[in-house]
PDB file of N, CA and C in Angstrom:
ATOM      1  N   ARG A   1      -4.768   5.174  -6.672  1.00  0.00           N
ATOM      2  CA  ARG A   1      -4.513   6.300  -5.792  1.00  0.00           C
ATOM      3  C   ARG A   1      -4.324   5.771  -4.389  1.00  0.00           C
ATOM      4  N   VAL A   2      -3.327   6.300  -3.697  1.00  0.00           N
ATOM      5  CA  VAL A   2      -3.030   5.828  -2.347  1.00  0.00           C
ATOM      6  C   VAL A   2      -2.754   7.024  -1.443  1.00  0.00           C
ATOM      7  N   ASP A   3      -3.379   7.007  -0.278  1.00  0.00           N
ATOM      8  CA  ASP A   3      -3.122   8.004   0.744  1.00  0.00           C
ATOM      9  C   ASP A   3      -2.103   7.386   1.701  1.00  0.00           C
ATOM     10  N   LEU A   4      -0.855   7.861   1.631  1.00  0.00           N
ATOM     11  CA  LEU A   4       0.230   7.270   2.419  1.00  0.00           C
ATOM     12  C   LEU A   4       0.594   8.133   3.622  1.00  0.00           C
ATOM     13  N   LYS A   5       1.056   7.455   4.654  1.00  0.00           N
ATOM     14  CA  LYS A   5       1.591   8.123   5.837  1.00  0.00           C
ATOM     15  C   LYS A   5       2.807   7.333   6.294  1.00  0.00           C
ATOM     16  N   ALA A   6       3.902   8.019   6.575  1.00  0.00           N
ATOM     17  CA  ALA A   6       5.099   7.383   7.109  1.00  0.00           C
ATOM     18  C   ALA A   6       5.128   7.624   8.614  1.00  0.00           C
ATOM     19  N   ASP A   7       4.943   6.581   9.376  1.00  0.00           N
ATOM     20  CA  ASP A   7       5.051   6.671  10.836  1.00  0.00           C
ATOM     21  C   ASP A   7       6.483   6.292  11.178  1.00  0.00           C
ATOM     22  N   ARG A   8       7.349   7.269  11.168  1.00  0.00           N
ATOM     23  CA  ARG A   8       8.783   7.031  11.363  1.00  0.00           C
ATOM     24  C   ARG A   8       9.087   6.482  12.750  1.00  0.00           C
ATOM     25  N   LYS A   9       8.358   6.956  13.744  1.00  0.00           N
ATOM     26  CA  LYS A   9       8.598   6.488  15.110  1.00  0.00           C
ATOM     27  C   LYS A   9       8.343   4.985  15.226  1.00  0.00           C
ATOM     28  N   ALA A  10       7.274   4.514  14.588  1.00  0.00           N
ATOM     29  CA  ALA A  10       6.925   3.090  14.624  1.00  0.00           C
ATOM     30  C   ALA A  10       7.644   2.285  13.531  1.00  0.00           C
ATOM     31  N   GLY A  11       8.239   2.981  12.559  1.00  0.00           N
ATOM     32  CA  GLY A  11       8.915   2.293  11.466  1.00  0.00           C
ATOM     33  C   GLY A  11       7.964   1.633  10.496  1.00  0.00           C
ATOM     34  N   VAL A  12       6.807   2.300  10.253  1.00  0.00           N
ATOM     35  CA  VAL A  12       5.757   1.707   9.427  1.00  0.00           C
ATOM     36  C   VAL A  12       5.305   2.687   8.346  1.00  0.00           C
ATOM     37  N   LEU A  13       5.189   2.193   7.115  1.00  0.00           N
ATOM     38  CA  LEU A  13       4.573   2.950   6.036  1.00  0.00           C
ATOM     39  C   LEU A  13       3.112   2.506   5.977  1.00  0.00           C
ATOM     40  N   ILE A  14       2.201   3.455   6.103  1.00  0.00           N
ATOM     41  CA  ILE A  14       0.773   3.133   6.188  1.00  0.00           C
ATOM     42  C   ILE A  14       0.050   3.603   4.935  1.00  0.00           C
ATOM     43  N   ALA A  15      -0.655   2.681   4.283  1.00  0.00           N
ATOM     44  CA  ALA A  15      -1.575   3.031   3.203  1.00  0.00           C
ATOM     45  C   ALA A  15      -2.921   3.237   3.882  1.00  0.00           C
ATOM     46  N   GLN A  16      -3.248   4.502   4.142  1.00  0.00           N
ATOM     47  CA  GLN A  16      -4.465   4.814   4.895  1.00  0.00           C
ATOM     48  C   GLN A  16      -5.728   4.551   4.087  1.00  0.00           C
ATOM     49  N   ALA A  17      -5.630   4.688   2.771  1.00  0.00           N
ATOM     50  CA  ALA A  17      -6.739   4.403   1.861  1.00  0.00           C
ATOM     51  C   ALA A  17      -6.145   4.152   0.482  1.00  0.00           C
ATOM     52  N   SER A  18      -6.777   3.298  -0.298  1.00  0.00           N
ATOM     53  CA  SER A  18      -6.263   2.985  -1.633  1.00  0.00           C
ATOM     54  C   SER A  18      -7.405   2.638  -2.578  1.00  0.00           C
ATOM     55  N   TRP A  19      -7.287   3.138  -3.799  1.00  0.00           N
ATOM     56  CA  TRP A  19      -8.325   2.931  -4.808  1.00  0.00           C
ATOM     57  C   TRP A  19      -7.699   2.594  -6.141  1.00  0.00           C
ATOM     58  N   PHE A  20      -8.377   1.749  -6.931  1.00  0.00           N
ATOM     59  CA  PHE A  20      -7.962   1.542  -8.315  1.00  0.00           C
ATOM     60  C   PHE A  20      -8.912   2.328  -9.206  1.00  0.00           C
ATOM     61  N   GLU A  21      -8.390   2.758 -10.329  1.00  0.00           N
ATOM     62  CA  GLU A  21      -9.168   3.551 -11.269  1.00  0.00           C
ATOM     63  C   GLU A  21     -10.030   2.646 -12.147  1.00  0.00           C
ATOM     64  N   GLU A  22     -11.144   3.164 -12.597  1.00  0.00           N
ATOM     65  CA  GLU A  22     -12.039   2.434 -13.477  1.00  0.00           C
ATOM     66  C   GLU A  22     -11.270   1.959 -14.712  1.00  0.00           C
ATOM     67  N   GLY A  23     -11.500   0.716 -15.083  1.00  0.00           N
ATOM     68  CA  GLY A  23     -10.838   0.141 -16.247  1.00  0.00           C
ATOM     69  C   GLY A  23      -9.541  -0.581 -15.911  1.00  0.00           C
ATOM     70  N   GLU A  24      -9.070  -0.452 -14.682  1.00  0.00           N
ATOM     71  CA  GLU A  24      -7.850  -1.135 -14.265  1.00  0.00           C
ATOM     72  C   GLU A  24      -8.215  -2.440 -13.564  1.00  0.00           C
ATOM     73  N   ASP A  25      -7.345  -3.420 -13.634  1.00  0.00           N
ATOM     74  CA  ASP A  25      -7.580  -4.717 -13.011  1.00  0.00           C
ATOM     75  C   ASP A  25      -6.914  -4.742 -11.635  1.00  0.00           C
ATOM     76  N   PRO A  26      -7.710  -4.773 -10.564  1.00  0.00           N
ATOM     77  CA  PRO A  26      -7.126  -4.754  -9.222  1.00  0.00           C
ATOM     78  C   PRO A  26      -6.251  -5.973  -8.930  1.00  0.00           C
ATOM     79  N   GLU A  27      -6.491  -7.085  -9.643  1.00  0.00           N
ATOM     80  CA  GLU A  27      -5.670  -8.282  -9.452  1.00  0.00           C
ATOM     81  C   GLU A  27      -4.257  -8.086  -9.997  1.00  0.00           C
ATOM     82  N   VAL A  28      -4.096  -7.156 -10.918  1.00  0.00           N
ATOM     83  CA  VAL A  28      -2.786  -6.818 -11.476  1.00  0.00           C
ATOM     84  C   VAL A  28      -2.182  -5.643 -10.706  1.00  0.00           C
ATOM     85  N   VAL A  29      -2.979  -4.609 -10.493  1.00  0.00           N
ATOM     86  CA  VAL A  29      -2.514  -3.387  -9.837  1.00  0.00           C
ATOM     87  C   VAL A  29      -2.115  -3.650  -8.380  1.00  0.00           C
ATOM     88  N   GLY A  30      -2.910  -4.422  -7.655  1.00  0.00           N
ATOM     89  CA  GLY A  30      -2.663  -4.656  -6.235  1.00  0.00           C
ATOM     90  C   GLY A  30      -1.287  -5.222  -5.929  1.00  0.00           C
ATOM     91  N   PRO A  31      -0.928  -6.374  -6.500  1.00  0.00           N
ATOM     92  CA  PRO A  31       0.394  -6.944  -6.218  1.00  0.00           C
ATOM     93  C   PRO A  31       1.550  -6.045  -6.665  1.00  0.00           C
ATOM     94  N   ALA A  32       1.393  -5.385  -7.811  1.00  0.00           N
ATOM     95  CA  ALA A  32       2.461  -4.497  -8.295  1.00  0.00           C
ATOM     96  C   ALA A  32       2.634  -3.311  -7.354  1.00  0.00           C
ATOM     97  N   LEU A  33       1.526  -2.749  -6.908  1.00  0.00           N
ATOM     98  CA  LEU A  33       1.596  -1.627  -5.988  1.00  0.00           C
ATOM     99  C   LEU A  33       2.148  -2.059  -4.639  1.00  0.00           C
ATOM    100  N   ARG A  34       1.774  -3.237  -4.168  1.00  0.00           N
ATOM    101  CA  ARG A  34       2.296  -3.741  -2.896  1.00  0.00           C
ATOM    102  C   ARG A  34       3.830  -3.836  -2.954  1.00  0.00           C
ATOM    103  N   GLN A  35       4.346  -4.351  -4.055  1.00  0.00           N
ATOM    104  CA  GLN A  35       5.790  -4.457  -4.219  1.00  0.00           C
ATOM    105  C   GLN A  35       6.428  -3.061  -4.183  1.00  0.00           C
ATOM    106  N   SER A  36       5.806  -2.100  -4.855  1.00  0.00           N
ATOM    107  CA  SER A  36       6.336  -0.734  -4.853  1.00  0.00           C
ATOM    108  C   SER A  36       6.295  -0.116  -3.463  1.00  0.00           C
ATOM    109  N   LEU A  37       5.227  -0.381  -2.717  1.00  0.00           N
ATOM    110  CA  LEU A  37       5.134   0.141  -1.352  1.00  0.00           C
ATOM    111  C   LEU A  37       6.207  -0.465  -0.449  1.00  0.00           C
ATOM    112  N   GLU A  38       6.481  -1.745  -0.626  1.00  0.00           N
ATOM    113  CA  GLU A  38       7.533  -2.392   0.168  1.00  0.00           C
ATOM    114  C   GLU A  38       8.902  -1.817  -0.179  1.00  0.00           C
ATOM    115  N   GLU A  39       9.141  -1.545  -1.475  1.00  0.00           N
ATOM    116  CA  GLU A  39      10.395  -0.909  -1.878  1.00  0.00           C
ATOM    117  C   GLU A  39      10.507   0.483  -1.272  1.00  0.00           C
ATOM    118  N   MET A  40       9.428   1.255  -1.324  1.00  0.00           N
ATOM    119  CA  MET A  40       9.428   2.597  -0.761  1.00  0.00           C
ATOM    120  C   MET A  40       9.694   2.551   0.741  1.00  0.00           C
ATOM    121  N   ALA A  41       9.064   1.608   1.422  1.00  0.00           N
ATOM    122  CA  ALA A  41       9.289   1.469   2.860  1.00  0.00           C
ATOM    123  C   ALA A  41      10.765   1.209   3.135  1.00  0.00           C
ATOM    124  N   GLY A  42      11.383   0.376   2.338  1.00  0.00           N
ATOM    125  CA  GLY A  42      12.807   0.103   2.496  1.00  0.00           C
ATOM    126  C   GLY A  42      13.660   1.344   2.294  1.00  0.00           C
ATOM    127  N   TRP A  43      13.346   2.138   1.269  1.00  0.00           N
ATOM    128  CA  TRP A  43      14.096   3.369   1.013  1.00  0.00           C
ATOM    129  C   TRP A  43      13.973   4.328   2.191  1.00  0.00           C
ATOM    130  N   LEU A  44      12.809   4.311   2.826  1.00  0.00           N
ATOM    131  CA  LEU A  44      12.553   5.219   3.951  1.00  0.00           C
ATOM    132  C   LEU A  44      13.045   4.660   5.283  1.00  0.00           C
ATOM    133  N   GLY A  45      13.575   3.441   5.251  1.00  0.00           N
ATOM    134  CA  GLY A  45      14.043   2.819   6.486  1.00  0.00           C
ATOM    135  C   GLY A  45      12.927   2.272   7.353  1.00  0.00           C
ATOM    136  N   MET A  46      11.785   1.993   6.733  1.00  0.00           N
ATOM    137  CA  MET A  46      10.636   1.446   7.448  1.00  0.00           C
ATOM    138  C   MET A  46      10.676  -0.077   7.383  1.00  0.00           C
ATOM    139  N   ALA A  47      10.272  -0.729   8.454  1.00  0.00           N
ATOM    140  CA  ALA A  47      10.329  -2.183   8.530  1.00  0.00           C
ATOM    141  C   ALA A  47       9.071  -2.865   7.995  1.00  0.00           C
ATOM    142  N   GLU A  48       7.986  -2.108   7.854  1.00  0.00           N
ATOM    143  CA  GLU A  48       6.704  -2.752   7.561  1.00  0.00           C
ATOM    144  C   GLU A  48       5.800  -1.840   6.750  1.00  0.00           C
ATOM    145  N   VAL A  49       4.912  -2.458   5.964  1.00  0.00           N
ATOM    146  CA  VAL A  49       3.844  -1.757   5.259  1.00  0.00           C
ATOM    147  C   VAL A  49       2.532  -2.232   5.868  1.00  0.00           C
ATOM    148  N   VAL A  50       1.702  -1.286   6.275  1.00  0.00           N
ATOM    149  CA  VAL A  50       0.380  -1.601   6.826  1.00  0.00           C
ATOM    150  C   VAL A  50      -0.664  -1.004   5.899  1.00  0.00           C
ATOM    151  N   VAL A  51      -1.664  -1.802   5.525  1.00  0.00           N
ATOM    152  CA  VAL A  51      -2.736  -1.350   4.643  1.00  0.00           C
ATOM    153  C   VAL A  51      -4.027  -1.294   5.450  1.00  0.00           C
ATOM    154  N   LYS A  52      -4.578  -0.095   5.568  1.00  0.00           N
ATOM    155  CA  LYS A  52      -5.873   0.079   6.239  1.00  0.00           C
ATOM    156  C   LYS A  52      -6.979  -0.342   5.268  1.00  0.00           C
ATOM    157  N   PRO A  53      -8.133  -0.779   5.778  1.00  0.00           N
ATOM    158  CA  PRO A  53      -9.179  -1.333   4.921  1.00  0.00           C
ATOM    159  C   PRO A  53     -10.081  -0.301   4.227  1.00  0.00           C
ATOM    160  N   LYS A  54      -9.578   0.878   3.940  1.00  0.00           N
ATOM    161  CA  LYS A  54     -10.392   1.898   3.284  1.00  0.00           C
ATOM    162  C   LYS A  54     -10.041   1.974   1.801  1.00  0.00           C
ATOM    163  N   GLY A  55     -11.044   1.934   0.939  1.00  0.00           N
ATOM    164  CA  GLY A  55     -10.850   2.041  -0.501  1.00  0.00           C
ATOM    165  C   GLY A  55     -11.046   0.698  -1.199  1.00  0.00           C
ATOM    166  N   ASN A  56     -11.306   0.768  -2.503  1.00  0.00           N
ATOM    167  CA  ASN A  56     -11.639  -0.448  -3.256  1.00  0.00           C
ATOM    168  C   ASN A  56     -10.418  -1.275  -3.666  1.00  0.00           C
ATOM    169  N   LEU A  57      -9.210  -0.814  -3.351  1.00  0.00           N
ATOM    170  CA  LEU A  57      -8.011  -1.579  -3.678  1.00  0.00           C
ATOM    171  C   LEU A  57      -7.373  -2.217  -2.452  1.00  0.00           C
ATOM    172  N   ALA A  58      -7.800  -1.832  -1.281  1.00  0.00           N
ATOM    173  CA  ALA A  58      -7.158  -2.266  -0.036  1.00  0.00           C
ATOM    174  C   ALA A  58      -7.052  -3.789   0.083  1.00  0.00           C
ATOM    175  N   ASN A  59      -8.105  -4.504  -0.229  1.00  0.00           N
ATOM    176  CA  ASN A  59      -8.073  -5.976  -0.122  1.00  0.00           C
ATOM    177  C   ASN A  59      -7.072  -6.607  -1.075  1.00  0.00           C
ATOM    178  N   HIS A  60      -6.731  -5.911  -2.139  1.00  0.00           N
ATOM    179  CA  HIS A  60      -5.793  -6.452  -3.127  1.00  0.00           C
ATOM    180  C   HIS A  60      -4.343  -6.112  -2.799  1.00  0.00           C
ATOM    181  N   LEU A  61      -4.117  -5.296  -1.766  1.00  0.00           N
ATOM    182  CA  LEU A  61      -2.757  -4.899  -1.387  1.00  0.00           C
ATOM    183  C   LEU A  61      -2.167  -5.771  -0.291  1.00  0.00           C
ATOM    184  N   ASN A  62      -3.011  -6.506   0.400  1.00  0.00           N
ATOM    185  CA  ASN A  62      -2.513  -7.371   1.470  1.00  0.00           C
ATOM    186  C   ASN A  62      -2.135  -8.719   0.911  1.00  0.00           C
ATOM    187  N   PRO A  63      -0.951  -9.210   1.291  1.00  0.00           N
ATOM    188  CA  PRO A  63      -0.535 -10.535   0.806  1.00  0.00           C
ATOM    189  C   PRO A  63      -1.481 -11.624   1.311  1.00  0.00           C
ATOM    190  N   ASN A  64      -1.691 -12.627   0.497  1.00  0.00           N
ATOM    191  CA  ASN A  64      -2.604 -13.731   0.876  1.00  0.00           C
ATOM    192  C   ASN A  64      -1.909 -14.739   1.735  1.00  0.00           C
TER     193      ASN A  64
END
């Protein structure tokens, strides 16, 4: 689950909070979701994806 906000003025798609569901592997879900968020940002004309540190999936969404 992801709480998204598109800051069009700044050109940023923000994941304000993100969680993985019980039974899911965050090491698998995180990178796949990050790729989807980057694709979505591109469709929206956003230059960047920013992940806020709220939720149990947030650390898995930021590239290492």
